[in-house]
C-alpha atoms as a PDB file:
ATOM      1  CA  LEU A   1      15.684  17.467  -5.876  1.00  0.00           C
ATOM      2  CA  ALA A   2      12.012  17.541  -4.879  1.00  0.00           C
ATOM      3  CA  VAL A   3      12.982  17.607  -1.203  1.00  0.00           C
ATOM      4  CA  GLN A   4      15.626  20.255  -1.768  1.00  0.00           C
ATOM      5  CA  PHE A   5      13.559  22.688  -3.816  1.00  0.00           C
ATOM      6  CA  PHE A   6      10.005  22.106  -2.570  1.00  0.00           C
ATOM      7  CA  ALA A   7      10.763  21.202   1.075  1.00  0.00           C
ATOM      8  CA  PRO A   8       7.648  19.038   1.673  1.00  0.00           C
ATOM      9  CA  SER A   9       6.626  18.395   5.267  1.00  0.00           C
ATOM     10  CA  ILE A  10       6.605  14.637   4.720  1.00  0.00           C
ATOM     11  CA  VAL A  11       8.196  12.181   2.301  1.00  0.00           C
ATOM     12  CA  TYR A  12       6.478   8.834   1.992  1.00  0.00           C
ATOM     13  CA  LYS A  13       8.716   6.003   0.827  1.00  0.00           C
ATOM     14  CA  HIS A  14       7.042   2.859  -0.437  1.00  0.00           C
ATOM     15  CA  ASN A  15       8.908  -0.356   0.191  1.00  0.00           C
ATOM     16  CA  ASP A  16       9.925  -0.646  -3.467  1.00  0.00           C
ATOM     17  CA  ASN A  17      13.692  -0.629  -2.910  1.00  0.00           C
ATOM     18  CA  PHE A  18      15.194  -0.292   0.525  1.00  0.00           C
ATOM     19  CA  ASP A  19      18.662  -0.512  -0.988  1.00  0.00           C
ATOM     20  CA  ASN A  20      18.172   3.153  -1.866  1.00  0.00           C
ATOM     21  CA  TYR A  21      18.781   3.842   1.804  1.00  0.00           C
ATOM     22  CA  HIS A  22      22.360   2.735   1.277  1.00  0.00           C
ATOM     23  CA  SER A  23      23.050   4.570  -1.941  1.00  0.00           C
ATOM     24  CA  LYS A  24      24.321   8.077  -2.470  1.00  0.00           C
ATOM     25  CA  ASN A  25      22.027  10.718  -3.863  1.00  0.00           C
ATOM     26  CA  LYS A  26      23.231  10.981  -7.460  1.00  0.00           C
ATOM     27  CA  ASN A  27      22.899  14.758  -7.320  1.00  0.00           C
ATOM     28  CA  ASP A  28      25.145  15.124  -4.292  1.00  0.00           C
ATOM     29  CA  HIS A  29      28.779  14.241  -3.768  1.00  0.00           C
ATOM     30  CA  ASN A  30      28.537  12.872  -0.275  1.00  0.00           C
ATOM     31  CA  ASP A  31      27.342   9.789   1.557  1.00  0.00           C
ATOM     32  CA  GLU A  32      23.888  11.060   2.486  1.00  0.00           C
ATOM     33  CA  THR A  33      21.113   8.521   2.469  1.00  0.00           C
ATOM     34  CA  ASN A  34      17.610   9.433   1.349  1.00  0.00           C
ATOM     35  CA  VAL A  35      16.584   9.641   5.004  1.00  0.00           C
ATOM     36  CA  THR A  36      19.371  11.949   6.178  1.00  0.00           C
ATOM     37  CA  MET A  37      18.918  14.137   3.101  1.00  0.00           C
ATOM     38  CA  ALA A  38      15.202  14.518   3.817  1.00  0.00           C
ATOM     39  CA  LYS A  39      15.847  15.409   7.442  1.00  0.00           C
ATOM     40  CA  LYS A  40      18.450  17.968   6.428  1.00  0.00           C
ATOM     41  CA  TYR A  41      15.689  19.899   4.683  1.00  0.00           C
ATOM     42  CA  GLY A  42      13.281  19.545   7.596  1.00  0.00           C
ATOM     43  CA  THR A  43      11.206  16.802   5.975  1.00  0.00           C
ATOM     44  CA  LYS A  44       9.760  13.853   7.884  1.00  0.00           C
ATOM     45  CA  PHE A  45      10.519  10.457   6.344  1.00  0.00           C
ATOM     46  CA  ILE A  46       7.841   7.741   6.529  1.00  0.00           C
ATOM     47  CA  ALA A  47       8.689   4.228   5.379  1.00  0.00           C
ATOM     48  CA  GLN A  48       6.120   1.626   4.374  1.00  0.00           C
ATOM     49  CA  VAL A  49       7.094  -1.974   5.080  1.00  0.00           C
ATOM     50  CA  GLY A  50       5.565  -5.367   4.453  1.00  0.00           C
ATOM     51  CA  SER A  51       7.876  -7.563   6.493  1.00  0.00           C
ATOM     52  CA  ILE A  52       9.913  -7.609   9.702  1.00  0.00           C
ATOM     53  CA  GLN A  53      13.102  -7.526   7.669  1.00  0.00           C
ATOM     54  CA  GLU A  54      12.025  -4.312   5.959  1.00  0.00           C
ATOM     55  CA  ALA A  55      10.993  -2.824   9.303  1.00  0.00           C
ATOM     56  CA  GLN A  56      14.417  -3.568  10.747  1.00  0.00           C
ATOM     57  CA  GLU A  57      16.032  -1.837   7.782  1.00  0.00           C
ATOM     58  CA  ALA A  58      13.800   1.207   8.242  1.00  0.00           C
ATOM     59  CA  MET A  59      14.613   1.313  11.968  1.00  0.00           C
ATOM     60  CA  ARG A  60      18.317   1.156  11.215  1.00  0.00           C
ATOM     61  CA  HIS A  61      17.987   4.308   9.156  1.00  0.00           C
ATOM     62  CA  ASP A  62      16.028   6.097  11.878  1.00  0.00           C
ATOM     63  CA  VAL A  63      12.923   6.923   9.842  1.00  0.00           C
ATOM     64  CA  ASP A  64      10.297   9.162  11.434  1.00  0.00           C
ATOM     65  CA  ALA A  65       7.424   6.644  11.193  1.00  0.00           C
ATOM     66  CA  ILE A  66       6.725   3.177   9.840  1.00  0.00           C
ATOM     67  CA  ILE A  67       3.585   2.064   8.001  1.00  0.00           C
ATOM     68  CA  CYS A  68       2.974  -1.659   8.319  1.00  0.00           C
ATOM     69  CA  GLN A  69       1.180  -2.670   5.136  1.00  0.00           C
ATOM     70  CA  GLY A  70      -0.486  -6.061   5.402  1.00  0.00           C
ATOM     71  CA  SER A  71      -1.308  -8.340   2.500  1.00  0.00           C
ATOM     72  CA  GLU A  72      -4.974  -7.356   2.912  1.00  0.00           C
ATOM     73  CA  ALA A  73      -4.154  -3.925   1.491  1.00  0.00           C
ATOM     74  CA  GLY A  74      -5.106  -2.710  -1.940  1.00  0.00           C
ATOM     75  CA  GLY A  75      -2.468  -1.413  -4.305  1.00  0.00           C
ATOM     76  CA  HIS A  76       1.172  -2.378  -4.564  1.00  0.00           C
ATOM     77  CA  GLY A  77       3.055  -4.253  -1.884  1.00  0.00           C
ATOM     78  CA  LEU A  78       5.072  -7.374  -1.267  1.00  0.00           C
ATOM     79  CA  ARG A  79       3.993 -10.522  -3.056  1.00  0.00           C
ATOM     80  CA  ARG A  80       1.611 -12.608  -0.975  1.00  0.00           C
ATOM     81  CA  ASN A  81       4.224 -15.275  -0.181  1.00  0.00           C
ATOM     82  CA  LEU A  82       6.613 -12.651   1.208  1.00  0.00           C
ATOM     83  CA  GLY A  83       4.195 -10.381   3.050  1.00  0.00           C
ATOM     84  CA  ASN A  84       2.252 -10.691   6.276  1.00  0.00           C
ATOM     85  CA  SER A  85      -1.210  -9.944   7.607  1.00  0.00           C
ATOM     86  CA  THR A  86      -1.830  -6.412   8.834  1.00  0.00           C
ATOM     87  CA  MET A  87      -2.365  -7.167  12.502  1.00  0.00           C
ATOM     88  CA  ALA A  88       0.440  -9.719  12.896  1.00  0.00           C
ATOM     89  CA  LEU A  89       2.953  -7.459  11.159  1.00  0.00           C
ATOM     90  CA  THR A  90       1.868  -4.335  13.032  1.00  0.00           C
ATOM     91  CA  SER A  91       1.962  -6.052  16.413  1.00  0.00           C
ATOM     92  CA  GLN A  92       5.398  -7.523  15.903  1.00  0.00           C
ATOM     93  CA  VAL A  93       6.918  -4.342  14.465  1.00  0.00           C
ATOM     94  CA  SER A  94       5.563  -2.356  17.440  1.00  0.00           C
ATOM     95  CA  ARG A  95       7.032  -4.904  19.817  1.00  0.00           C
ATOM     96  CA  LEU A  96      10.357  -4.821  17.981  1.00  0.00           C
ATOM     97  CA  ILE A  97      10.565  -1.033  18.215  1.00  0.00           C
ATOM     98  CA  LYS A  98       9.729  -0.998  21.924  1.00  0.00           C
ATOM     99  CA  SER A  99      12.330  -3.664  22.594  1.00  0.00           C
ATOM    100  CA  ASN A 100      14.905  -1.740  20.590  1.00  0.00           C
ATOM    101  CA  CYS A 101      14.191   1.430  22.569  1.00  0.00           C
ATOM    102  CA  LYS A 102      14.822  -0.387  25.857  1.00  0.00           C
ATOM    103  CA  THR A 103      18.179  -1.743  24.729  1.00  0.00           C
ATOM    104  CA  THR A 104      19.507   1.246  22.771  1.00  0.00           C
ATOM    105  CA  ALA A 105      17.710   4.225  24.367  1.00  0.00           C
ATOM    106  CA  SER A 106      16.641   5.315  20.903  1.00  0.00           C
ATOM    107  CA  ALA A 107      13.491   7.308  20.231  1.00  0.00           C
ATOM    108  CA  VAL A 108      10.217   5.465  19.761  1.00  0.00           C
ATOM    109  CA  ILE A 109       9.242   5.334  16.089  1.00  0.00           C
ATOM    110  CA  PRO A 110       5.471   5.717  15.563  1.00  0.00           C
ATOM    111  CA  VAL A 111       3.846   2.703  13.892  1.00  0.00           C
ATOM    112  CA  LEU A 112       0.779   2.903  11.643  1.00  0.00           C
ATOM    113  CA  ALA A 113      -1.291  -0.019  10.352  1.00  0.00           C
ATOM    114  CA  ALA A 114      -2.494  -0.289   6.752  1.00  0.00           C
ATOM    115  CA  GLY A 115      -4.521  -2.947   4.986  1.00  0.00           C
ATOM    116  CA  GLY A 116      -8.213  -3.777   5.288  1.00  0.00           C
ATOM    117  CA  ILE A 117      -8.966  -0.737   7.454  1.00  0.00           C
ATOM    118  CA  VAL A 118     -12.095   1.180   6.439  1.00  0.00           C
ATOM    119  CA  ALA A 119     -14.129   1.701   9.641  1.00  0.00           C
ATOM    120  CA  GLY A 120     -13.944   2.845  13.251  1.00  0.00           C
ATOM    121  CA  LYS A 121     -13.899  -0.711  14.582  1.00  0.00           C
ATOM    122  CA  HIS A 122     -10.765  -1.366  12.552  1.00  0.00           C
ATOM    123  CA  LEU A 123      -9.142   1.749  13.976  1.00  0.00           C
ATOM    124  CA  VAL A 124      -9.889   0.603  17.523  1.00  0.00           C
ATOM    125  CA  SER A 125      -8.417  -2.827  16.811  1.00  0.00           C
ATOM    126  CA  ALA A 126      -5.279  -1.267  15.384  1.00  0.00           C
ATOM    127  CA  LEU A 127      -4.858   1.108  18.335  1.00  0.00           C
ATOM    128  CA  CYS A 128      -4.414  -1.942  20.553  1.00  0.00           C
ATOM    129  CA  LEU A 129      -1.220  -2.591  18.624  1.00  0.00           C
ATOM    130  CA  CYS A 130       0.113   0.705  17.281  1.00  0.00           C
ATOM    131  CA  ASP A 131      -0.275   4.473  17.076  1.00  0.00           C
ATOM    132  CA  GLY A 132      -2.704   4.932  14.209  1.00  0.00           C
ATOM    133  CA  VAL A 133      -3.839   3.785  10.793  1.00  0.00           C
ATOM    134  CA  VAL A 134      -3.473   4.616   7.111  1.00  0.00           C
ATOM    135  CA  LEU A 135      -6.499   4.434   4.830  1.00  0.00           C
ATOM    136  CA  GLY A 136      -6.119   3.512   1.182  1.00  0.00           C
ATOM    137  CA  THR A 137      -9.180   1.906  -0.369  1.00  0.00           C
ATOM    138  CA  ARG A 138     -11.537   3.955   1.806  1.00  0.00           C
ATOM    139  CA  PHE A 139     -10.096   7.215   0.468  1.00  0.00           C
ATOM    140  CA  TRP A 140     -10.007   5.785  -3.048  1.00  0.00           C
ATOM    141  CA  ALA A 141     -13.796   5.671  -2.596  1.00  0.00           C
ATOM    142  CA  SER A 142     -14.011   9.384  -1.783  1.00  0.00           C
ATOM    143  CA  ASN A 143     -15.133  12.487  -3.650  1.00  0.00           C
ATOM    144  CA  GLU A 144     -11.608  13.879  -3.549  1.00  0.00           C
ATOM    145  CA  SER A 145     -10.016  10.844  -5.177  1.00  0.00           C
ATOM    146  CA  ILE A 146      -8.344  11.569  -8.497  1.00  0.00           C
ATOM    147  CA  GLY A 147      -8.779   7.987  -9.708  1.00  0.00           C
ATOM    148  CA  ASN A 148     -10.871   6.886 -12.675  1.00  0.00           C
ATOM    149  CA  PRO A 149     -14.534   7.544 -11.733  1.00  0.00           C
ATOM    150  CA  ALA A 150     -15.802   4.527 -13.681  1.00  0.00           C
ATOM    151  CA  LEU A 151     -13.401   2.170 -11.900  1.00  0.00           C
ATOM    152  CA  GLN A 152     -14.154   3.889  -8.604  1.00  0.00           C
ATOM    153  CA  GLN A 153     -17.795   2.853  -8.925  1.00  0.00           C
ATOM    154  CA  SER A 154     -16.654  -0.767  -9.094  1.00  0.00           C
ATOM    155  CA  LEU A 155     -15.786  -0.498  -5.398  1.00  0.00           C
ATOM    156  CA  LEU A 156     -19.470  -0.109  -4.519  1.00  0.00           C
ATOM    157  CA  LYS A 157     -20.680  -3.348  -6.051  1.00  0.00           C
ATOM    158  CA  ASN A 158     -21.747  -6.200  -3.797  1.00  0.00           C
ATOM    159  CA  HIS A 159     -18.198  -7.189  -2.889  1.00  0.00           C
ATOM    160  CA  SER A 160     -16.661  -8.986   0.061  1.00  0.00           C
ATOM    161  CA  CYS A 161     -13.100  -9.822   1.046  1.00  0.00           C
ATOM    162  CA  ASP A 162     -13.504 -12.969  -1.087  1.00  0.00           C
ATOM    163  CA  ASP A 163     -13.542 -10.735  -4.157  1.00  0.00           C
ATOM    164  CA  VAL A 164     -10.064  -9.299  -3.513  1.00  0.00           C
ATOM    165  CA  ILE A 165      -6.882 -10.956  -4.717  1.00  0.00           C
ATOM    166  CA  ARG A 166      -3.209 -10.098  -4.213  1.00  0.00           C
ATOM    167  CA  THR A 167      -1.696 -10.938  -7.551  1.00  0.00           C
ATOM    168  CA  THR A 168       1.151 -10.293  -9.976  1.00  0.00           C
ATOM    169  CA  ILE A 169      -1.125 -10.722 -13.003  1.00  0.00           C
ATOM    170  CA  PHE A 170      -1.849  -7.047 -13.604  1.00  0.00           C
ATOM    171  CA  ASP A 171       1.768  -5.969 -13.218  1.00  0.00           C
ATOM    172  CA  ARG A 172       2.929  -8.636 -15.638  1.00  0.00           C
ATOM    173  CA  ILE A 173       0.614  -7.158 -18.233  1.00  0.00           C
ATOM    174  CA  GLU A 174       1.025  -3.477 -17.394  1.00  0.00           C
ATOM    175  CA  ASN A 175       4.822  -3.696 -17.128  1.00  0.00           C
ATOM    176  CA  GLU A 176       4.838  -4.970 -20.708  1.00  0.00           C
ATOM    177  CA  LEU A 177       2.801  -1.957 -21.779  1.00  0.00           C
ATOM    178  CA  LYS A 178       5.034   0.553 -19.975  1.00  0.00           C
ATOM    179  CA  SER A 179       8.245   1.986 -21.334  1.00  0.00           C
ATOM    180  CA  SER A 180       9.391   3.147 -17.889  1.00  0.00           C
ATOM    181  CA  CYS A 181       8.473   3.109 -14.173  1.00  0.00           C
ATOM    182  CA  LYS A 182       7.859  -0.629 -14.183  1.00  0.00           C
ATOM    183  CA  TRP A 183       7.185  -2.272 -10.831  1.00  0.00           C
ATOM    184  CA  PRO A 184      10.135  -4.478  -9.822  1.00  0.00           C
ATOM    185  CA  GLN A 185      10.077  -7.813  -8.023  1.00  0.00           C
ATOM    186  CA  PRO A 186       9.022  -8.562  -5.331  1.00  0.00           C
ATOM    187  CA  TYR A 187       6.713  -5.517  -5.294  1.00  0.00           C
ATOM    188  CA  ASP A 188       5.061  -6.271  -8.637  1.00  0.00           C
ATOM    189  CA  SER A 189       1.970  -7.357  -6.742  1.00  0.00           C
ATOM    190  CA  VAL A 190      -1.323  -5.567  -6.174  1.00  0.00           C
ATOM    191  CA  GLY A 191      -4.410  -5.986  -4.071  1.00  0.00           C
ATOM    192  CA  ALA A 192      -7.269  -5.707  -6.564  1.00  0.00           C
ATOM    193  CA  LEU A 193     -10.767  -6.885  -7.345  1.00  0.00           C
ATOM    194  CA  ARG A 194     -11.035 -10.267  -8.991  1.00  0.00           C
ATOM    195  CA  ASN A 195     -12.284 -10.029 -12.554  1.00  0.00           C
ATOM    196  CA  ARG A 196     -12.189 -11.799 -15.901  1.00  0.00           C
ATOM    197  CA  THR A 197      -8.439 -11.217 -16.232  1.00  0.00           C
ATOM    198  CA  THR A 198      -7.604 -12.822 -12.885  1.00  0.00           C
ATOM    199  CA  ARG A 199      -9.951 -15.728 -13.546  1.00  0.00           C
ATOM    200  CA  GLU A 200      -8.333 -16.341 -16.926  1.00  0.00           C
ATOM    201  CA  TRP A 201      -4.691 -15.958 -15.888  1.00  0.00           C
ATOM    202  CA  GLU A 202      -4.434 -17.076 -12.264  1.00  0.00           C
ATOM    203  CA  GLY A 203      -2.220 -20.151 -12.080  1.00  0.00           C
ATOM    204  CA  LYS A 204      -0.943 -19.933 -15.665  1.00  0.00           C
ATOM    205  CA  SER A 205       2.556 -21.288 -16.328  1.00  0.00           C
ATOM    206  CA  GLU A 206       5.559 -19.244 -17.424  1.00  0.00           C
ATOM    207  CA  VAL A 207       5.341 -20.850 -20.858  1.00  0.00           C
ATOM    208  CA  GLU A 208       1.712 -19.757 -21.217  1.00  0.00           C
ATOM    209  CA  TRP A 209       2.646 -16.229 -20.174  1.00  0.00           C
ATOM    210  CA  ARG A 210       5.502 -16.031 -22.672  1.00  0.00           C
ATOM    211  CA  ASP A 211       3.317 -17.344 -25.467  1.00  0.00           C
ATOM    212  CA  ALA A 212       0.614 -14.798 -24.601  1.00  0.00           C
ATOM    213  CA  MET A 213       3.064 -11.894 -24.577  1.00  0.00           C
ATOM    214  CA  ASP A 214       4.684 -12.930 -27.844  1.00  0.00           C
ATOM    215  CA  GLY A 215       1.904 -14.390 -29.893  1.00  0.00           C
ATOM    216  CA  SER A 216      -1.519 -13.224 -28.748  1.00  0.00           C
ATOM    217  CA  ASP A 217      -3.528 -10.027 -28.605  1.00  0.00           C
ATOM    218  CA  LEU A 218      -3.602 -10.030 -24.789  1.00  0.00           C
ATOM    219  CA  LEU A 219      -1.778  -6.713 -24.481  1.00  0.00           C
ATOM    220  CA  GLU A 220      -3.877  -4.986 -27.125  1.00  0.00           C
ATOM    221  CA  ARG A 221      -7.107  -6.238 -25.586  1.00  0.00           C
ATOM    222  CA  TYR A 222      -6.007  -5.047 -22.155  1.00  0.00           C
ATOM    223  CA  LYS A 223      -4.966  -1.656 -23.507  1.00  0.00           C
ATOM    224  CA  SER A 224      -8.295  -1.290 -25.305  1.00  0.00           C
ATOM    225  CA  SER A 225     -10.193  -2.226 -22.128  1.00  0.00           C
ATOM    226  CA  ALA A 226      -8.198   0.352 -20.158  1.00  0.00           C
ATOM    227  CA  GLU A 227      -9.245   3.045 -22.618  1.00  0.00           C
ATOM    228  CA  LYS A 228     -12.863   1.991 -22.059  1.00  0.00           C
ATOM    229  CA  SER A 229     -12.419   1.833 -18.235  1.00  0.00           C
ATOM    230  CA  ASP A 230     -13.663  -1.765 -18.263  1.00  0.00           C
ATOM    231  CA  GLY A 231     -13.305  -2.908 -14.663  1.00  0.00           C
ATOM    232  CA  ASP A 232     -14.050  -6.509 -15.613  1.00  0.00           C
ATOM    233  CA  VAL A 233     -10.737  -6.606 -17.490  1.00  0.00           C
ATOM    234  CA  VAL A 234      -8.354  -3.983 -16.090  1.00  0.00           C
ATOM    235  CA  CYS A 235      -6.988  -3.624 -12.592  1.00  0.00           C
ATOM    236  CA  VAL A 236      -9.274  -2.062  -9.974  1.00  0.00           C
ATOM    237  CA  LEU A 237      -7.151  -1.561  -6.868  1.00  0.00           C
ATOM    238  CA  ALA A 238      -8.917  -2.562  -3.662  1.00  0.00           C
ATOM    239  CA  GLY A 239      -8.100  -3.910  -0.235  1.00  0.00           C
ATOM    240  CA  GLU A 240     -10.049  -6.565   1.628  1.00  0.00           C
ATOM    241  CA  GLY A 241     -12.031  -3.918   3.507  1.00  0.00           C
ATOM    242  CA  VAL A 242     -13.895  -3.052   0.299  1.00  0.00           C
ATOM    243  CA  GLY A 243     -16.849  -5.196   1.381  1.00  0.00           C
ATOM    244  CA  GLU A 244     -17.687  -2.589   4.021  1.00  0.00           C
ATOM    245  CA  ILE A 245     -17.661   0.405   1.681  1.00  0.00           C
ATOM    246  CA  ASP A 246     -21.168   1.367   0.623  1.00  0.00           C
ATOM    247  CA  SER A 247     -20.827   4.880  -0.764  1.00  0.00           C
ATOM    248  CA  ILE A 248     -18.546   7.529  -2.239  1.00  0.00           C
ATOM    249  CA  GLU A 249     -18.273  10.306   0.353  1.00  0.00           C
ATOM    250  CA  GLY A 250     -16.153  13.322   1.146  1.00  0.00           C
ATOM    251  CA  ALA A 251     -12.860  12.624   2.904  1.00  0.00           C
ATOM    252  CA  TYR A 252     -13.854  14.773   5.885  1.00  0.00           C
ATOM    253  CA  ASP A 253     -17.096  12.849   6.370  1.00  0.00           C
ATOM    254  CA  ILE A 254     -15.254   9.550   6.090  1.00  0.00           C
ATOM    255  CA  VAL A 255     -12.783  10.548   8.797  1.00  0.00           C
ATOM    256  CA  MET A 256     -15.486  11.877  11.104  1.00  0.00           C
ATOM    257  CA  LYS A 257     -17.589   8.704  10.778  1.00  0.00           C
ATOM    258  CA  ILE A 258     -14.580   6.537  11.545  1.00  0.00           C
ATOM    259  CA  GLU A 259     -13.705   8.688  14.544  1.00  0.00           C
ATOM    260  CA  GLU A 260     -17.289   8.653  15.823  1.00  0.00           C
ATOM    261  CA  GLU A 261     -17.580   4.880  15.552  1.00  0.00           C
ATOM    262  CA  ALA A 262     -14.182   4.393  17.205  1.00  0.00           C
ATOM    263  CA  LEU A 263     -15.068   6.647  20.143  1.00  0.00           C
ATOM    264  CA  GLU A 264     -18.399   4.858  20.629  1.00  0.00           C
ATOM    265  CA  ILE A 265     -16.615   1.502  20.774  1.00  0.00           C
ATOM    266  CA  ILE A 266     -13.965   2.774  23.178  1.00  0.00           C
ATOM    267  CA  ASP A 267     -16.646   4.260  25.418  1.00  0.00           C
ATOM    268  CA  ARG A 268     -18.548   0.989  25.412  1.00  0.00           C
ATOM    269  CA  LEU A 269     -15.443  -0.948  26.395  1.00  0.00           C
ATOM    270  CA  LYS A 270     -14.674   1.234  29.429  1.00  0.00           C
END
């Protein structure tokens, strides 16, 4: 309905359920997929993937672009054991698309890299493999971000990639607190800053989790900490590039600095 009535230029589809590509739109009485429906209304369809298998599925449905999200990324994505690093995934998806174009004469699908990218040097590295990049954590640390300002400041502490974890801990807790829109497996995993919650619950058994959900005040304590914006308890989304973020800036300035650094590097390499 959003595509039909608002006609956005682009629809971004996270890799939360690629089976939706096969299903009918419940509001239509035909066999349109989400992709063909979007294109019917003049909307570009971008799919985010975390594995080669997901990329192949996106290619099969002729999406307009593919974002390769590595495990280094902040926010939701495939569980660590199912995902891949940004550069390895991006390189192999790009190669797969080029090979597919040679054998089927299909159009080249643009590939964008995401995960751990916050600076011009990262952009240059990615351009060796694909067509561009997607910034997440870097724009989370921007003036235009609509995220919680108190948690946003947590990104500027003396962090490094060692301080980022891809974990299911926060989704296990937050899914219990939600009545709807719960993150499903295997995408109930976020890149976030390590804190007291991850230190306490990393490696806990299923029995310990069940006991905590049923017989402790874990959920109430977490809910209370969320109301207080306590970043040492609640989830602060961040990718592994957070260690190179030193300030909250405007989005325009961020983009221009990245572009300037990238061009300087490219010029130096000539």
